[in-house]
Amino acid sequence: MKYVIIRDDDTHPLTPPDCLERLYRPFLDRGMPVNLATIPCVRTDAEFSPGVLEGFLLGKSTPGARPIADNPVLLEYLRSNPGFRIVQHGYYHDLYEFERHPREEIARRLDHGTELLCEAGFEAPETFVAPYDRISRDAYRELAKRFGIISTGWFELNRLPPAWWPAYFLKKARKQEHWQLGSTRLLGHPGCLLSYQRPFGTMVDTIRKAVESRKVTVLVTHWWEYFYLGNVNEPFIEKLHETAEYLASDRDIEVISFADLLKKGIPLH
């Protein structure tokens, strides 16, 4: 059996519920969970680079920070669709926030982020996704105290605590994408295969090859890329829905949540 985890990044209070509905109804109707990496308290003036707003803001630029509970319509939609599973994605989602801040500030953001998600009516998340896949040594230490799963794009020796190095070297020697340290599972992924920057003609075949070559595959996408700058990218949405059809039609594939990976004790390899 192959296992697939759908991870959609950057849900926040300004995310239109209609966008999530348009994208993920084919998954939800087939009983396939969708993990939403949710920003607990988004900066509404967050920049990807100087003068360039983050794409997930869809052009909105009023300065400030908004907790996820600020949008009751979005919360009601998510609660009424339990196929959406909430995981924690940064805190403000400002640039490299879990790489550049001291350990005390990292711990504060992690704890308050979890509190905000719980206050919005969600269960305390067991999985953490760092913005930009940038995690410092201190951040890794704090994350391992709080989360059963850390989901990121890659792992670098110079960012890992030295005590983690033997397990990392073993992972590298075995050419494994995922690994485990104590009770914490560290999941990599094969890149953002569902992205508007990738060729649509080969997208589903690329996903199929990735799934067939791994026991557990994390498929990462970003809801706002399908609606970038206010334009609905119909060909891209079609590829996402083709992916849903492929995953549902293969009896050797089970689409699971991050939480399922822990609860069911599914092996990583």
Protein backbone atom coordinates (compact mmCIF):
# COMPACT_ATOMS: atom_id res chain seq x y z
CA MET A 1 0.00 0.00 0.00
CA LYS A 2 1.16 3.52 -0.84
CA TYR A 3 0.11 6.48 1.32
CA VAL A 4 -0.41 10.06 0.14
CA ILE A 5 -0.78 13.17 2.29
CA ILE A 6 -2.26 16.26 0.61
CA ARG A 7 -0.76 19.43 2.11
CA ASP A 8 -2.14 22.81 1.06
CA ASP A 9 -0.24 25.78 2.47
CA ASP A 10 -1.20 29.28 3.57
CA THR A 11 -4.81 29.21 4.75
CA HIS A 12 -5.43 32.37 6.84
CA PRO A 13 -8.33 34.71 7.75
CA LEU A 14 -8.38 36.34 4.30
CA THR A 15 -8.67 33.01 2.47
CA PRO A 16 -12.02 32.91 0.60
CA PRO A 17 -13.88 29.70 1.50
CA ASP A 18 -15.10 29.53 -2.10
CA CYS A 19 -11.52 29.01 -3.24
CA LEU A 20 -11.05 25.98 -1.00
CA GLU A 21 -14.44 24.63 -2.03
CA ARG A 22 -13.64 24.97 -5.72
CA LEU A 23 -10.31 23.20 -5.33
CA TYR A 24 -11.04 20.42 -2.90
CA ARG A 25 -14.65 19.31 -3.33
CA PRO A 26 -13.52 16.35 -5.53
CA PHE A 27 -11.22 15.22 -2.71
CA LEU A 28 -13.73 15.70 0.09
CA ASP A 29 -16.51 13.92 -1.80
CA ARG A 30 -14.23 10.92 -2.22
CA GLY A 31 -13.38 10.82 1.49
CA MET A 32 -9.81 12.00 0.99
CA PRO A 33 -8.57 14.32 3.76
CA VAL A 34 -6.89 17.61 2.88
CA ASN A 35 -4.35 19.00 5.34
CA LEU A 36 -4.50 22.80 5.47
CA ALA A 37 -1.26 24.35 6.72
CA THR A 38 -2.90 27.27 8.52
CA ILE A 39 -1.26 30.52 9.57
CA PRO A 40 -2.38 31.29 13.15
CA CYS A 41 -1.97 35.10 13.01
CA VAL A 42 -1.13 36.27 9.50
CA ARG A 43 0.68 39.52 8.81
CA THR A 44 -1.53 41.24 6.23
CA ASP A 45 1.47 43.18 4.91
CA ALA A 46 3.81 40.18 4.70
CA GLU A 47 6.32 40.51 1.89
CA PHE A 48 8.05 37.76 -0.09
CA SER A 49 10.74 40.27 -1.06
CA PRO A 50 11.06 44.04 -0.51
CA GLY A 51 7.98 45.71 -1.95
CA VAL A 52 6.40 42.43 -3.10
CA LEU A 53 3.45 41.14 -1.08
CA GLU A 54 3.07 37.43 -0.44
CA GLY A 55 0.91 35.79 -3.09
CA PHE A 56 -1.45 34.35 -0.51
CA LEU A 57 -2.65 37.85 0.36
CA LEU A 58 -4.24 38.22 -3.11
CA GLY A 59 -3.21 41.86 -3.30
CA LYS A 60 -4.50 42.89 0.14
CA SER A 61 -2.00 45.15 1.91
CA THR A 62 -3.61 46.77 4.98
CA PRO A 63 -0.87 46.57 7.64
CA GLY A 64 -1.51 44.50 10.73
CA ALA A 65 -1.88 40.99 12.08
CA ARG A 66 -5.10 38.97 12.07
CA PRO A 67 -5.70 35.77 14.02
CA ILE A 68 -7.44 32.93 12.22
CA ALA A 69 -10.58 33.40 14.34
CA ASP A 70 -11.18 36.79 12.69
CA ASN A 71 -13.09 35.13 9.85
CA PRO A 72 -16.11 33.29 11.27
CA VAL A 73 -17.40 32.45 7.78
CA LEU A 74 -14.18 30.61 6.97
CA LEU A 75 -14.23 28.84 10.34
CA GLU A 76 -17.81 27.68 9.85
CA TYR A 77 -16.95 26.35 6.42
CA LEU A 78 -13.95 24.42 7.72
CA ARG A 79 -15.89 23.00 10.67
CA SER A 80 -18.71 21.88 8.38
CA ASN A 81 -16.20 19.97 6.24
CA PRO A 82 -14.28 17.66 8.59
CA GLY A 83 -12.24 16.36 5.65
CA PHE A 84 -10.11 19.46 6.12
CA ARG A 85 -7.44 18.81 8.74
CA ILE A 86 -5.68 21.79 10.31
CA VAL A 87 -1.92 21.81 10.83
CA GLN A 88 0.15 24.71 12.13
CA HIS A 89 2.00 26.85 9.59
CA GLY A 90 4.34 29.33 11.18
CA TYR A 91 2.86 32.17 13.22
CA TYR A 92 2.80 35.46 11.29
CA HIS A 93 4.35 33.93 8.15
CA ASP A 94 6.80 36.77 7.97
CA LEU A 95 10.05 36.13 6.13
CA TYR A 96 12.13 33.25 7.55
CA GLU A 97 10.49 33.67 10.96
CA PHE A 98 11.63 30.27 12.27
CA GLU A 99 15.18 30.78 11.16
CA ARG A 100 16.01 34.31 12.22
CA HIS A 101 14.42 34.73 15.67
CA PRO A 102 15.95 33.75 19.05
CA ARG A 103 14.79 30.59 20.79
CA GLU A 104 12.54 32.41 23.29
CA GLU A 105 10.62 34.16 20.52
CA ILE A 106 10.33 30.93 18.55
CA ALA A 107 8.85 29.19 21.59
CA ARG A 108 6.40 32.06 22.14
CA ARG A 109 5.22 31.98 18.53
CA LEU A 110 4.77 28.22 18.59
CA ASP A 111 2.76 28.22 21.81
CA HIS A 112 0.62 31.23 20.99
CA GLY A 113 0.03 29.94 17.47
CA THR A 114 -1.33 26.69 18.87
CA GLU A 115 -3.49 28.64 21.34
CA LEU A 116 -4.98 30.72 18.51
CA LEU A 117 -5.86 27.62 16.50
CA CYS A 118 -7.49 26.04 19.53
CA GLU A 119 -9.40 29.23 20.32
CA ALA A 120 -10.75 29.10 16.77
CA GLY A 121 -12.26 25.70 17.57
CA PHE A 122 -9.65 23.37 16.09
CA GLU A 123 -7.84 20.54 17.83
CA ALA A 124 -4.28 21.22 18.93
CA PRO A 125 -2.22 20.43 15.82
CA GLU A 126 0.26 17.55 15.88
CA THR A 127 2.05 18.71 12.73
CA PHE A 128 4.09 21.82 12.01
CA VAL A 129 4.98 23.32 8.62
CA ALA A 130 7.64 26.04 8.60
CA PRO A 131 7.28 28.92 6.13
CA TYR A 132 9.86 28.70 3.34
CA ASP A 133 11.19 25.42 4.79
CA ARG A 134 13.69 27.45 6.84
CA ILE A 135 14.21 26.10 10.36
CA SER A 136 17.08 26.94 12.71
CA ARG A 137 18.65 24.54 15.21
CA ASP A 138 16.85 26.22 18.06
CA ALA A 139 13.57 26.00 16.16
CA TYR A 140 14.05 22.27 15.54
CA ARG A 141 14.60 21.74 19.28
CA GLU A 142 11.43 23.64 20.16
CA LEU A 143 9.39 21.93 17.45
CA ALA A 144 10.41 18.45 18.61
CA LYS A 145 9.07 19.28 22.09
CA ARG A 146 5.63 20.14 20.75
CA PHE A 147 4.85 18.26 17.53
CA GLY A 148 4.77 14.65 16.45
CA ILE A 149 5.46 15.59 12.82
CA ILE A 150 7.62 18.25 11.19
CA SER A 151 6.83 18.61 7.49
CA THR A 152 9.38 20.45 5.36
CA GLY A 153 11.00 20.33 1.95
CA TRP A 154 14.49 19.26 2.93
CA PHE A 155 16.90 18.86 5.82
CA GLU A 156 20.36 20.43 6.07
CA LEU A 157 23.07 19.28 8.45
CA ASN A 158 24.11 22.79 9.45
CA ARG A 159 20.57 23.57 10.61
CA LEU A 160 20.07 20.42 12.69
CA PRO A 161 21.04 20.09 16.37
CA PRO A 162 24.32 18.11 16.59
CA ALA A 163 22.60 15.43 18.68
CA TRP A 164 20.42 14.72 15.63
CA TRP A 165 23.34 14.17 13.27
CA PRO A 166 23.72 10.37 13.67
CA ALA A 167 20.07 9.82 12.72
CA TYR A 168 20.46 12.24 9.83
CA PHE A 169 23.58 10.47 8.52
CA LEU A 170 21.70 7.15 8.68
CA LYS A 171 18.81 8.66 6.70
CA LYS A 172 21.27 9.94 4.08
CA ALA A 173 23.06 6.61 3.85
CA ARG A 174 19.75 4.85 3.26
CA LYS A 175 18.67 7.53 0.76
CA GLN A 176 15.45 8.09 2.66
CA GLU A 177 13.20 11.14 2.35
CA HIS A 178 11.59 10.73 5.78
CA TRP A 179 13.17 9.89 9.11
CA GLN A 180 12.40 9.74 12.81
CA LEU A 181 14.07 11.10 15.92
CA GLY A 182 12.54 9.79 19.14
CA SER A 183 8.80 10.31 18.87
CA THR A 184 9.08 13.02 16.20
CA ARG A 185 8.68 12.12 12.54
CA LEU A 186 10.45 14.38 10.06
CA LEU A 187 8.80 14.29 6.64
CA GLY A 188 10.33 15.59 3.44
CA HIS A 189 8.56 15.91 0.11
CA PRO A 190 9.50 15.67 -3.58
CA GLY A 191 9.01 19.38 -4.23
CA CYS A 192 5.82 21.31 -4.97
CA LEU A 193 4.65 19.07 -7.81
CA LEU A 194 1.28 20.86 -7.92
CA SER A 195 2.48 24.35 -8.79
CA TYR A 196 1.61 26.87 -11.47
CA GLN A 197 5.34 27.07 -12.22
CA ARG A 198 5.45 23.44 -13.41
CA PRO A 199 4.39 22.19 -16.84
CA PHE A 200 0.77 21.10 -16.83
CA GLY A 201 1.22 18.52 -19.57
CA THR A 202 3.37 16.22 -17.44
CA MET A 203 2.08 17.19 -13.99
CA VAL A 204 -0.09 14.16 -13.21
CA ASP A 205 2.50 11.72 -14.61
CA THR A 206 5.15 13.32 -12.41
CA ILE A 207 2.89 12.92 -9.39
CA ARG A 208 2.21 9.29 -10.29
CA LYS A 209 5.94 8.52 -10.49
CA ALA A 210 6.57 10.20 -7.14
CA VAL A 211 3.79 8.23 -5.44
CA GLU A 212 4.90 4.91 -6.94
CA SER A 213 8.50 5.41 -5.76
CA ARG A 214 7.72 6.00 -2.07
CA LYS A 215 5.82 4.40 0.78
CA VAL A 216 4.60 7.82 1.97
CA THR A 217 4.35 10.86 -0.31
CA VAL A 218 3.56 14.40 0.83
CA LEU A 219 1.99 16.31 -2.07
CA VAL A 220 2.35 20.04 -1.51
CA THR A 221 0.37 22.81 -3.18
CA HIS A 222 -0.81 26.36 -2.41
CA TRP A 223 -4.47 27.32 -2.82
CA TRP A 224 -3.69 30.89 -3.88
CA GLU A 225 -1.61 29.78 -6.88
CA TYR A 226 -4.84 28.66 -8.56
CA PHE A 227 -6.24 32.20 -8.15
CA TYR A 228 -3.04 34.25 -8.43
CA LEU A 229 -3.60 38.00 -8.85
CA GLY A 230 -7.34 37.37 -8.97
CA ASN A 231 -7.22 35.21 -12.08
CA VAL A 232 -8.76 31.73 -11.98
CA ASN A 233 -6.28 29.28 -13.51
CA GLU A 234 -8.70 26.73 -14.96
CA PRO A 235 -6.05 24.44 -16.55
CA PHE A 236 -4.25 24.21 -13.22
CA ILE A 237 -7.46 23.43 -11.33
CA GLU A 238 -8.17 20.71 -13.89
CA LYS A 239 -4.82 19.08 -13.10
CA LEU A 240 -5.58 19.16 -9.38
CA HIS A 241 -8.89 17.43 -10.03
CA GLU A 242 -7.20 14.90 -12.32
CA THR A 243 -4.89 14.17 -9.40
CA ALA A 244 -7.92 13.51 -7.20
CA GLU A 245 -9.29 11.09 -9.78
CA TYR A 246 -5.97 9.27 -10.04
CA LEU A 247 -5.57 8.90 -6.28
CA ALA A 248 -9.16 7.71 -5.81
CA SER A 249 -9.03 5.18 -8.65
CA ASP A 250 -5.88 3.33 -7.55
CA ARG A 251 -6.75 0.71 -4.93
CA ASP A 252 -3.12 0.50 -3.84
CA ILE A 253 -3.16 4.14 -2.70
CA GLU A 254 -4.68 5.49 0.49
CA VAL A 255 -4.93 9.24 1.03
CA ILE A 256 -4.41 9.99 4.72
CA SER A 257 -3.93 12.94 7.04
CA PHE A 258 -0.78 13.72 8.97
CA ALA A 259 -2.66 12.69 12.11
CA ASP A 260 -3.51 9.32 10.53
CA LEU A 261 0.19 8.68 10.04
CA LEU A 262 0.67 8.92 13.79
CA LYS A 263 -2.55 7.25 14.95
CA LYS A 264 -2.27 4.26 12.62
CA GLY A 265 1.46 3.81 13.15
CA ILE A 266 2.08 3.73 9.40
CA PRO A 267 5.73 3.02 8.59
CA LEU A 268 7.60 5.72 6.68
CA HIS A 269 9.38 3.32 4.33
